[in-house]
Amino acid sequence: MSMSYDLRRVGDVTILDIVGRIDISTARGSDTAPKRLREVIRELAERGQTSIVLNLNYVTYIDSSGIGELVAAITTLRNRGGDLKVIHPNTVVQHVLALTRLENVVEVLPDEGSAVRALSSGDNAGAAKHG
C-alpha cells in the first residue's frame, strides 16, 4: 500500500491526513504514488500554506526514505517562515522518530487542536532552533 493523503484547513493551518506507508516508493514516486510528500509540501508552501500539521494516525510504516521526506518537508516550510507539527504517530512510527532523533527536530503533539494552536500562535520555536 502506498501513501495517499487528504487536505483540510483549520483557519490558516493546513492539516495533511496521511494514509499508508511513507517509504522508498513514496520518496521516488511511482504509478501508485505519483506525488512525493515533499512535492505536496512544496506546492502548499508555494501557495502560502506554510503552517502544516501532519496527521500520521493512519501511517502504517515509515523507513529512512520516509524520514528523508519529512526532513525535506520541514526544511521547505521553515525556509519560508512556516513550520510543521506531527500528530498521532503510532507506536512504530514514534519509535522510528525517536531512533532517528527526528522528534528533536519536529514537535510531536497529542492532538490536532494542540498543533493548530501552536502553529496559529506563531510558536515556531523549532524553526528558530533548527532553521
N, C-alpha and C. Protein backbone atom coordinates (compact mmCIF):
# COMPACT_ATOMS: atom_id res chain seq x y z
N MET A 1 0.84 -1.18 0.00
CA MET A 1 0.00 0.00 0.00
C MET A 1 0.89 1.24 0.00
N SER A 2 0.66 2.15 -0.89
CA SER A 2 1.43 3.38 -0.96
C SER A 2 0.75 4.47 -0.14
N MET A 3 1.32 5.64 -0.18
CA MET A 3 0.80 6.76 0.58
C MET A 3 -0.31 7.48 -0.19
N SER A 4 -1.33 7.87 0.53
CA SER A 4 -2.33 8.79 0.00
C SER A 4 -2.56 9.85 1.07
N TYR A 5 -3.28 10.89 0.72
CA TYR A 5 -3.49 11.96 1.69
C TYR A 5 -4.75 12.72 1.38
N ASP A 6 -5.26 13.39 2.40
CA ASP A 6 -6.37 14.33 2.29
C ASP A 6 -5.92 15.63 2.91
N LEU A 7 -6.38 16.73 2.33
CA LEU A 7 -6.07 18.07 2.85
C LEU A 7 -7.31 18.68 3.47
N ARG A 8 -7.10 19.34 4.60
CA ARG A 8 -8.16 20.12 5.23
C ARG A 8 -7.53 21.41 5.74
N ARG A 9 -8.37 22.42 5.95
CA ARG A 9 -7.90 23.68 6.53
C ARG A 9 -8.64 23.94 7.83
N VAL A 10 -7.89 24.40 8.82
CA VAL A 10 -8.45 24.88 10.08
C VAL A 10 -7.84 26.26 10.27
N GLY A 11 -8.62 27.28 9.95
CA GLY A 11 -8.08 28.64 9.97
C GLY A 11 -6.97 28.76 8.96
N ASP A 12 -5.79 29.21 9.41
CA ASP A 12 -4.66 29.37 8.50
C ASP A 12 -3.71 28.17 8.52
N VAL A 13 -4.16 27.07 9.13
CA VAL A 13 -3.34 25.86 9.24
C VAL A 13 -3.90 24.79 8.29
N THR A 14 -2.99 24.14 7.58
CA THR A 14 -3.36 23.03 6.71
C THR A 14 -3.11 21.72 7.43
N ILE A 15 -4.12 20.87 7.44
CA ILE A 15 -3.99 19.53 8.03
C ILE A 15 -3.83 18.56 6.87
N LEU A 16 -2.78 17.78 6.93
CA LEU A 16 -2.49 16.77 5.91
C LEU A 16 -2.66 15.41 6.57
N ASP A 17 -3.77 14.73 6.26
CA ASP A 17 -4.04 13.40 6.80
C ASP A 17 -3.38 12.39 5.88
N ILE A 18 -2.33 11.73 6.38
CA ILE A 18 -1.57 10.77 5.58
C ILE A 18 -2.08 9.36 5.88
N VAL A 19 -2.23 8.56 4.82
CA VAL A 19 -2.67 7.18 4.95
C VAL A 19 -1.67 6.29 4.23
N GLY A 20 -1.30 5.18 4.87
CA GLY A 20 -0.44 4.20 4.20
C GLY A 20 0.98 4.23 4.68
N ARG A 21 1.89 4.11 3.73
CA ARG A 21 3.32 3.99 4.03
C ARG A 21 4.06 5.23 3.52
N ILE A 22 5.02 5.67 4.31
CA ILE A 22 5.94 6.73 3.87
C ILE A 22 7.28 6.02 3.74
N ASP A 23 7.59 5.61 2.52
CA ASP A 23 8.76 4.76 2.30
C ASP A 23 9.42 5.07 0.97
N ILE A 24 10.27 4.18 0.52
CA ILE A 24 11.04 4.38 -0.70
C ILE A 24 10.14 4.64 -1.91
N SER A 25 9.02 3.94 -2.02
CA SER A 25 8.14 4.17 -3.16
C SER A 25 7.49 5.55 -3.08
N THR A 26 7.21 6.02 -1.87
CA THR A 26 6.68 7.37 -1.68
C THR A 26 7.73 8.40 -2.06
N ALA A 27 8.98 8.15 -1.67
CA ALA A 27 10.07 9.09 -1.93
C ALA A 27 10.38 9.19 -3.42
N ARG A 28 10.34 8.06 -4.11
CA ARG A 28 10.66 8.05 -5.54
C ARG A 28 9.48 8.46 -6.41
N GLY A 29 8.29 8.19 -5.92
CA GLY A 29 7.11 8.35 -6.76
C GLY A 29 6.97 7.11 -7.62
N SER A 30 5.77 6.78 -7.98
CA SER A 30 5.51 5.61 -8.81
C SER A 30 4.12 5.74 -9.40
N ASP A 31 3.69 4.72 -10.12
CA ASP A 31 2.34 4.74 -10.67
C ASP A 31 1.29 4.79 -9.56
N THR A 32 1.59 4.12 -8.44
CA THR A 32 0.62 4.10 -7.34
C THR A 32 0.82 5.27 -6.38
N ALA A 33 1.98 5.88 -6.39
CA ALA A 33 2.25 7.03 -5.52
C ALA A 33 2.93 8.11 -6.36
N PRO A 34 2.16 8.75 -7.25
CA PRO A 34 2.77 9.67 -8.21
C PRO A 34 3.34 10.95 -7.61
N LYS A 35 2.89 11.34 -6.43
CA LYS A 35 3.35 12.60 -5.85
C LYS A 35 4.06 12.33 -4.53
N ARG A 36 5.30 12.76 -4.44
CA ARG A 36 6.06 12.58 -3.22
C ARG A 36 5.58 13.56 -2.16
N LEU A 37 5.78 13.19 -0.90
CA LEU A 37 5.37 14.05 0.20
C LEU A 37 6.02 15.42 0.09
N ARG A 38 7.31 15.44 -0.24
CA ARG A 38 7.99 16.74 -0.35
C ARG A 38 7.39 17.60 -1.45
N GLU A 39 6.88 16.98 -2.53
CA GLU A 39 6.23 17.76 -3.59
C GLU A 39 4.92 18.35 -3.12
N VAL A 40 4.16 17.57 -2.36
CA VAL A 40 2.90 18.07 -1.80
C VAL A 40 3.17 19.28 -0.91
N ILE A 41 4.16 19.14 -0.03
CA ILE A 41 4.51 20.23 0.89
C ILE A 41 5.01 21.45 0.12
N ARG A 42 5.86 21.23 -0.89
CA ARG A 42 6.38 22.35 -1.68
C ARG A 42 5.25 23.10 -2.39
N GLU A 43 4.30 22.35 -2.96
CA GLU A 43 3.17 23.00 -3.63
C GLU A 43 2.33 23.81 -2.64
N LEU A 44 2.10 23.27 -1.47
CA LEU A 44 1.36 24.01 -0.44
C LEU A 44 2.11 25.28 -0.05
N ALA A 45 3.41 25.15 0.17
CA ALA A 45 4.23 26.31 0.56
C ALA A 45 4.22 27.38 -0.52
N GLU A 46 4.27 26.97 -1.78
CA GLU A 46 4.24 27.93 -2.88
C GLU A 46 2.93 28.69 -2.92
N ARG A 47 1.86 28.09 -2.39
CA ARG A 47 0.55 28.76 -2.31
C ARG A 47 0.39 29.54 -1.01
N GLY A 48 1.48 29.60 -0.22
CA GLY A 48 1.44 30.36 1.03
C GLY A 48 0.95 29.58 2.22
N GLN A 49 0.73 28.29 2.06
CA GLN A 49 0.28 27.45 3.18
C GLN A 49 1.52 26.83 3.84
N THR A 50 2.08 27.57 4.79
CA THR A 50 3.35 27.15 5.39
C THR A 50 3.21 26.67 6.83
N SER A 51 1.99 26.64 7.35
CA SER A 51 1.72 26.09 8.67
C SER A 51 0.97 24.78 8.46
N ILE A 52 1.68 23.65 8.67
CA ILE A 52 1.11 22.36 8.30
C ILE A 52 1.21 21.38 9.46
N VAL A 53 0.11 20.66 9.66
CA VAL A 53 0.06 19.57 10.62
C VAL A 53 -0.01 18.27 9.84
N LEU A 54 0.93 17.36 10.13
CA LEU A 54 0.89 16.03 9.53
C LEU A 54 0.21 15.09 10.51
N ASN A 55 -0.96 14.59 10.13
CA ASN A 55 -1.67 13.61 10.93
C ASN A 55 -1.21 12.24 10.48
N LEU A 56 -0.42 11.57 11.32
CA LEU A 56 0.15 10.27 10.96
C LEU A 56 -0.64 9.10 11.56
N ASN A 57 -1.87 9.36 11.96
CA ASN A 57 -2.70 8.34 12.60
C ASN A 57 -2.84 7.08 11.75
N TYR A 58 -2.88 7.23 10.44
CA TYR A 58 -3.10 6.08 9.55
C TYR A 58 -1.85 5.69 8.77
N VAL A 59 -0.69 6.14 9.24
CA VAL A 59 0.57 5.72 8.62
C VAL A 59 0.97 4.40 9.26
N THR A 60 1.14 3.38 8.43
CA THR A 60 1.43 2.04 8.94
C THR A 60 2.91 1.74 8.98
N TYR A 61 3.72 2.52 8.26
CA TYR A 61 5.15 2.21 8.16
C TYR A 61 5.88 3.44 7.67
N ILE A 62 7.11 3.61 8.17
CA ILE A 62 7.98 4.68 7.67
C ILE A 62 9.40 4.13 7.67
N ASP A 63 10.15 4.38 6.58
CA ASP A 63 11.54 3.93 6.52
C ASP A 63 12.45 5.15 6.38
N SER A 64 13.74 4.91 6.13
CA SER A 64 14.70 6.01 6.06
C SER A 64 14.37 6.99 4.94
N SER A 65 13.83 6.50 3.85
CA SER A 65 13.42 7.40 2.77
C SER A 65 12.25 8.27 3.22
N GLY A 66 11.36 7.70 3.99
CA GLY A 66 10.24 8.47 4.55
C GLY A 66 10.72 9.54 5.52
N ILE A 67 11.73 9.20 6.32
CA ILE A 67 12.33 10.19 7.22
C ILE A 67 12.93 11.33 6.39
N GLY A 68 13.59 10.98 5.29
CA GLY A 68 14.14 12.00 4.39
C GLY A 68 13.05 12.91 3.84
N GLU A 69 11.89 12.33 3.53
CA GLU A 69 10.76 13.13 3.05
C GLU A 69 10.29 14.10 4.12
N LEU A 70 10.22 13.64 5.37
CA LEU A 70 9.82 14.52 6.47
C LEU A 70 10.83 15.65 6.67
N VAL A 71 12.11 15.32 6.63
CA VAL A 71 13.15 16.35 6.79
C VAL A 71 13.05 17.38 5.67
N ALA A 72 12.85 16.93 4.43
CA ALA A 72 12.71 17.85 3.30
C ALA A 72 11.48 18.75 3.49
N ALA A 73 10.39 18.18 3.99
CA ALA A 73 9.18 18.96 4.22
C ALA A 73 9.41 20.02 5.29
N ILE A 74 10.05 19.64 6.38
CA ILE A 74 10.34 20.58 7.46
C ILE A 74 11.23 21.71 6.95
N THR A 75 12.26 21.36 6.21
CA THR A 75 13.19 22.35 5.67
C THR A 75 12.48 23.33 4.75
N THR A 76 11.66 22.81 3.85
CA THR A 76 10.90 23.66 2.92
C THR A 76 10.06 24.67 3.68
N LEU A 77 9.32 24.20 4.66
CA LEU A 77 8.42 25.09 5.40
C LEU A 77 9.17 26.11 6.24
N ARG A 78 10.21 25.68 6.91
CA ARG A 78 10.97 26.60 7.76
C ARG A 78 11.73 27.62 6.95
N ASN A 79 12.17 27.26 5.76
CA ASN A 79 12.83 28.23 4.89
C ASN A 79 11.87 29.31 4.42
N ARG A 80 10.59 29.03 4.48
CA ARG A 80 9.57 30.00 4.08
C ARG A 80 8.90 30.65 5.29
N GLY A 81 9.49 30.48 6.47
CA GLY A 81 8.95 31.11 7.67
C GLY A 81 7.82 30.34 8.33
N GLY A 82 7.56 29.13 7.88
CA GLY A 82 6.49 28.32 8.45
C GLY A 82 7.03 27.23 9.33
N ASP A 83 6.19 26.25 9.60
CA ASP A 83 6.61 25.12 10.42
C ASP A 83 5.67 23.95 10.19
N LEU A 84 6.10 22.81 10.71
CA LEU A 84 5.35 21.57 10.59
C LEU A 84 5.26 20.94 11.98
N LYS A 85 4.09 20.45 12.31
CA LYS A 85 3.88 19.71 13.56
C LYS A 85 3.35 18.34 13.17
N VAL A 86 3.63 17.34 14.00
CA VAL A 86 3.18 15.97 13.77
C VAL A 86 2.21 15.59 14.89
N ILE A 87 1.13 14.90 14.50
CA ILE A 87 0.20 14.37 15.50
C ILE A 87 -0.08 12.90 15.21
N HIS A 88 -0.44 12.19 16.23
CA HIS A 88 -0.94 10.81 16.19
C HIS A 88 -0.03 9.77 15.52
N PRO A 89 1.30 9.83 15.72
CA PRO A 89 2.09 8.73 15.17
C PRO A 89 1.83 7.46 15.99
N ASN A 90 1.69 6.33 15.31
CA ASN A 90 1.50 5.08 16.06
C ASN A 90 2.82 4.69 16.72
N THR A 91 2.81 3.60 17.46
CA THR A 91 3.99 3.18 18.22
C THR A 91 5.20 2.94 17.31
N VAL A 92 4.98 2.30 16.17
CA VAL A 92 6.08 2.00 15.24
C VAL A 92 6.68 3.30 14.71
N VAL A 93 5.84 4.22 14.28
CA VAL A 93 6.33 5.49 13.74
C VAL A 93 7.01 6.30 14.84
N GLN A 94 6.44 6.31 16.04
CA GLN A 94 7.07 7.01 17.16
C GLN A 94 8.46 6.46 17.43
N HIS A 95 8.60 5.15 17.36
CA HIS A 95 9.90 4.51 17.58
C HIS A 95 10.91 4.96 16.54
N VAL A 96 10.51 5.03 15.28
CA VAL A 96 11.40 5.48 14.21
C VAL A 96 11.78 6.94 14.42
N LEU A 97 10.82 7.78 14.80
CA LEU A 97 11.11 9.20 15.07
C LEU A 97 12.12 9.33 16.20
N ALA A 98 12.00 8.48 17.21
CA ALA A 98 12.93 8.51 18.34
C ALA A 98 14.31 8.01 17.92
N LEU A 99 14.35 6.88 17.20
CA LEU A 99 15.63 6.32 16.76
C LEU A 99 16.43 7.28 15.89
N THR A 100 15.73 8.00 15.03
CA THR A 100 16.41 8.92 14.11
C THR A 100 16.59 10.31 14.73
N ARG A 101 16.07 10.47 15.94
CA ARG A 101 16.11 11.75 16.66
C ARG A 101 15.34 12.85 15.95
N LEU A 102 14.46 12.47 15.06
CA LEU A 102 13.63 13.46 14.37
C LEU A 102 12.66 14.13 15.35
N GLU A 103 12.34 13.44 16.43
CA GLU A 103 11.47 14.04 17.44
C GLU A 103 12.12 15.26 18.10
N ASN A 104 13.45 15.41 17.93
CA ASN A 104 14.14 16.61 18.42
C ASN A 104 14.07 17.75 17.42
N VAL A 105 13.62 17.46 16.21
CA VAL A 105 13.57 18.45 15.14
C VAL A 105 12.14 18.92 14.88
N VAL A 106 11.20 18.00 14.97
CA VAL A 106 9.80 18.33 14.73
C VAL A 106 9.00 18.03 15.98
N GLU A 107 8.12 18.94 16.32
CA GLU A 107 7.32 18.76 17.53
C GLU A 107 6.19 17.76 17.26
N VAL A 108 6.09 16.76 18.12
CA VAL A 108 5.02 15.78 18.08
C VAL A 108 4.03 16.15 19.17
N LEU A 109 2.82 16.47 18.77
CA LEU A 109 1.81 16.92 19.72
C LEU A 109 0.70 15.89 19.86
N PRO A 110 -0.03 15.93 20.98
CA PRO A 110 -1.00 14.87 21.25
C PRO A 110 -2.27 14.90 20.40
N ASP A 111 -2.62 16.08 19.88
CA ASP A 111 -3.88 16.14 19.13
C ASP A 111 -3.86 17.32 18.16
N GLU A 112 -4.84 17.31 17.28
CA GLU A 112 -4.94 18.34 16.25
C GLU A 112 -5.12 19.73 16.83
N GLY A 113 -5.95 19.86 17.86
CA GLY A 113 -6.18 21.17 18.47
C GLY A 113 -4.90 21.79 18.99
N SER A 114 -4.07 20.99 19.66
CA SER A 114 -2.80 21.50 20.19
C SER A 114 -1.88 21.96 19.06
N ALA A 115 -1.84 21.18 17.99
CA ALA A 115 -0.97 21.52 16.86
C ALA A 115 -1.45 22.78 16.16
N VAL A 116 -2.75 22.90 15.96
CA VAL A 116 -3.30 24.10 15.31
C VAL A 116 -3.03 25.32 16.16
N ARG A 117 -3.24 25.21 17.48
CA ARG A 117 -2.98 26.34 18.37
C ARG A 117 -1.51 26.75 18.33
N ALA A 118 -0.61 25.77 18.35
CA ALA A 118 0.82 26.07 18.32
C ALA A 118 1.21 26.79 17.04
N LEU A 119 0.68 26.35 15.92
CA LEU A 119 1.01 26.99 14.64
C LEU A 119 0.31 28.33 14.49
N SER A 120 -0.91 28.44 14.96
CA SER A 120 -1.66 29.70 14.84
C SER A 120 -1.08 30.78 15.72
N SER A 121 -0.49 30.39 16.85
CA SER A 121 0.07 31.38 17.76
C SER A 121 1.45 31.83 17.32
N GLY A 122 1.93 31.24 16.22
CA GLY A 122 3.26 31.61 15.73
C GLY A 122 4.36 30.97 16.55
N ASP A 123 4.02 29.89 17.26
CA ASP A 123 5.02 29.18 18.08
C ASP A 123 5.90 28.33 17.17
N ASN A 124 6.84 28.98 16.51
CA ASN A 124 7.75 28.28 15.62
C ASN A 124 9.13 28.20 16.25
N ALA A 125 9.16 27.86 17.53
CA ALA A 125 10.43 27.74 18.23
C ALA A 125 11.34 26.74 17.56
N GLY A 126 10.74 25.67 17.02
CA GLY A 126 11.55 24.67 16.30
C GLY A 126 12.22 25.28 15.09
N ALA A 127 11.53 26.18 14.43
CA ALA A 127 12.13 26.83 13.25
C ALA A 127 13.31 27.68 13.65
N ALA A 128 13.20 28.37 14.78
CA ALA A 128 14.31 29.20 15.22
C ALA A 128 15.49 28.36 15.68
N LYS A 129 15.21 27.25 16.36
CA LYS A 129 16.27 26.40 16.85
C LYS A 129 16.98 25.63 15.74
N HIS A 130 16.21 25.19 14.76
CA HIS A 130 16.75 24.27 13.77
C HIS A 130 16.84 24.85 12.38
N GLY A 131 16.41 26.10 12.18
CA GLY A 131 16.34 26.63 10.84
C GLY A 131 17.40 27.50 10.47
